[in-house]
Amino acid sequence: MDVARASERFRETHCEGGVLRWTSNGHVPPQDCLEDFREAGLGSFDMEASKRVRDRETMAFLAEYKAADTGHTDEELCEMRAAFGEGVTIVNVVTGRRTKL
């Protein structure tokens, strides 16, 4: 771990009720960042609470994404055919939905 880099990145965070968040977007940093911050002795945030909140928010985002995945427009299908070819099956890795072009 690069302590200087971790310190620089840590300045881009803030703590809300013990949960560490990026200032730019309000999201909890990834696990490796949290571990680097903790190892470098930066700030006093609750590692477990931060992980729980990140996991909960990620699950909520994925549920919203899956609910919004209602299919492709004709334009999107045309673009996918141009990029991947006719007859190819495209799989959405998040939802598992398969689309044969």
Foldseek 3Di string as FASTA:
>chain_A
DDLVVLVVQQVQWDADPQAIAGVVPRAGDDPVSLVSCVVSVHDRHDSVVNVVVNVVVVVVVLVVVLVPPPDDDPVVVVVCCVVPNAQDWDADPSNRDIDHD
